[in-house]
Protein backbone atom coordinates (compact mmCIF):
# COMPACT_ATOMS: atom_id res chain seq x y z
CA MET A 1 1.28 -0.54 -35.86
CA THR A 2 1.65 2.48 -33.62
CA THR A 3 -1.38 3.94 -31.88
CA GLY A 4 0.43 6.98 -30.52
CA ALA A 5 -0.26 5.93 -26.94
CA ASP A 6 2.43 5.97 -24.30
CA PRO A 7 4.12 2.51 -24.27
CA ARG A 8 4.32 2.62 -20.46
CA GLU A 9 0.53 2.79 -20.29
CA ALA A 10 0.15 -0.20 -22.60
CA ALA A 11 2.55 -2.29 -20.53
CA ASP A 12 0.13 -2.76 -17.64
CA PRO A 13 -3.37 -1.34 -18.09
CA ALA A 14 -4.42 -2.57 -14.63
CA GLN A 15 -1.99 -0.17 -12.96
CA PRO A 16 -3.32 3.36 -12.40
CA ALA A 17 -1.31 6.20 -13.85
CA PRO A 18 1.14 7.68 -11.31
CA GLU A 19 0.11 11.03 -9.91
CA ARG A 20 2.06 14.06 -11.05
CA ARG A 21 3.22 15.91 -7.94
CA PRO A 22 6.61 16.90 -6.55
CA ALA A 23 8.31 14.30 -4.39
CA THR A 24 8.91 14.95 -0.72
CA LEU A 25 12.38 14.82 0.79
CA LEU A 26 11.52 11.51 2.46
CA GLU A 27 10.44 9.99 -0.87
CA VAL A 28 13.65 11.13 -2.56
CA ALA A 29 15.73 9.77 0.32
CA GLY A 30 13.87 6.45 0.15
CA ALA A 31 14.44 6.17 -3.59
CA VAL A 32 18.15 6.92 -3.19
CA PHE A 33 18.45 4.49 -0.26
CA TRP A 34 16.93 1.60 -2.19
CA SER A 35 18.92 2.45 -5.30
CA PHE A 36 22.15 2.11 -3.28
CA PHE A 37 21.16 -1.54 -2.88
CA GLY A 38 19.97 -1.86 -6.48
CA VAL A 39 16.46 -2.84 -5.41
CA ARG A 40 13.33 -0.97 -6.49
CA LYS A 41 9.83 -2.21 -7.25
CA GLY A 42 8.42 -1.48 -10.69
CA ALA A 43 5.47 0.53 -9.38
CA HIS A 44 7.80 2.66 -7.26
CA MET A 45 10.11 3.22 -10.22
CA ARG A 46 7.21 4.42 -12.36
CA ARG A 47 6.06 6.76 -9.58
CA ASP A 48 9.63 8.04 -9.12
CA ALA A 49 9.97 8.74 -12.84
CA VAL A 50 7.05 11.14 -12.56
CA THR A 51 7.68 12.74 -9.16
CA LEU A 52 11.48 12.90 -8.75
CA LYS A 53 13.59 15.58 -10.33
CA PRO A 54 17.20 14.78 -11.30
CA HIS A 55 18.71 17.55 -9.16
CA GLN A 56 16.90 16.17 -6.09
CA VAL A 57 18.31 12.69 -6.68
CA VAL A 58 21.85 13.96 -7.30
CA LEU A 59 21.84 16.18 -4.19
CA VAL A 60 20.41 13.53 -1.87
CA GLY A 61 22.70 10.89 -3.41
CA LEU A 62 25.81 13.00 -2.79
CA ILE A 63 24.79 13.80 0.78
CA SER A 64 23.95 10.15 1.46
CA GLY A 65 27.26 9.01 0.00
CA ILE A 66 29.20 11.48 2.15
CA VAL A 67 27.31 10.43 5.29
CA PHE A 68 27.99 6.76 4.46
CA VAL A 69 31.73 7.35 4.01
CA LEU A 70 31.95 9.40 7.21
CA ALA A 71 30.10 6.66 9.11
CA LEU A 72 32.60 4.09 7.84
CA ILE A 73 35.53 6.29 8.89
CA VAL A 74 34.06 6.72 12.39
CA LEU A 75 33.43 2.97 12.63
CA VAL A 76 37.03 2.18 11.68
CA HIS A 77 38.35 4.67 14.24
CA VAL A 78 36.15 3.15 16.98
CA ILE A 79 37.29 -0.37 16.10
CA LEU A 80 40.97 0.61 15.99
CA LYS A 81 40.68 2.51 19.28
CA SER A 82 39.05 -0.47 21.03
CA ALA A 83 41.77 -2.75 19.64
CA GLY A 84 44.45 -0.50 21.12
CA VAL A 85 45.86 0.63 17.77
CA SER A 86 46.67 4.33 17.50
């Protein structure tokens, strides 16, 4: 029997509904950071589903991925330089 209610609301009636507002850059970066590790709390995921926009996540994800790769390249160069390898 379907009541027409949102199934996410029925899942946990004790949880308040997430507020509908745009996410800040720090919130988007935090969501992307934790998603790199594959860890995210259910309440945070529900809030992110309402506040994050896909283009924000894609842009911050790409920038974070590039920064991560560049940091690894710098780290390898530092290690090779300290080991005396050219």
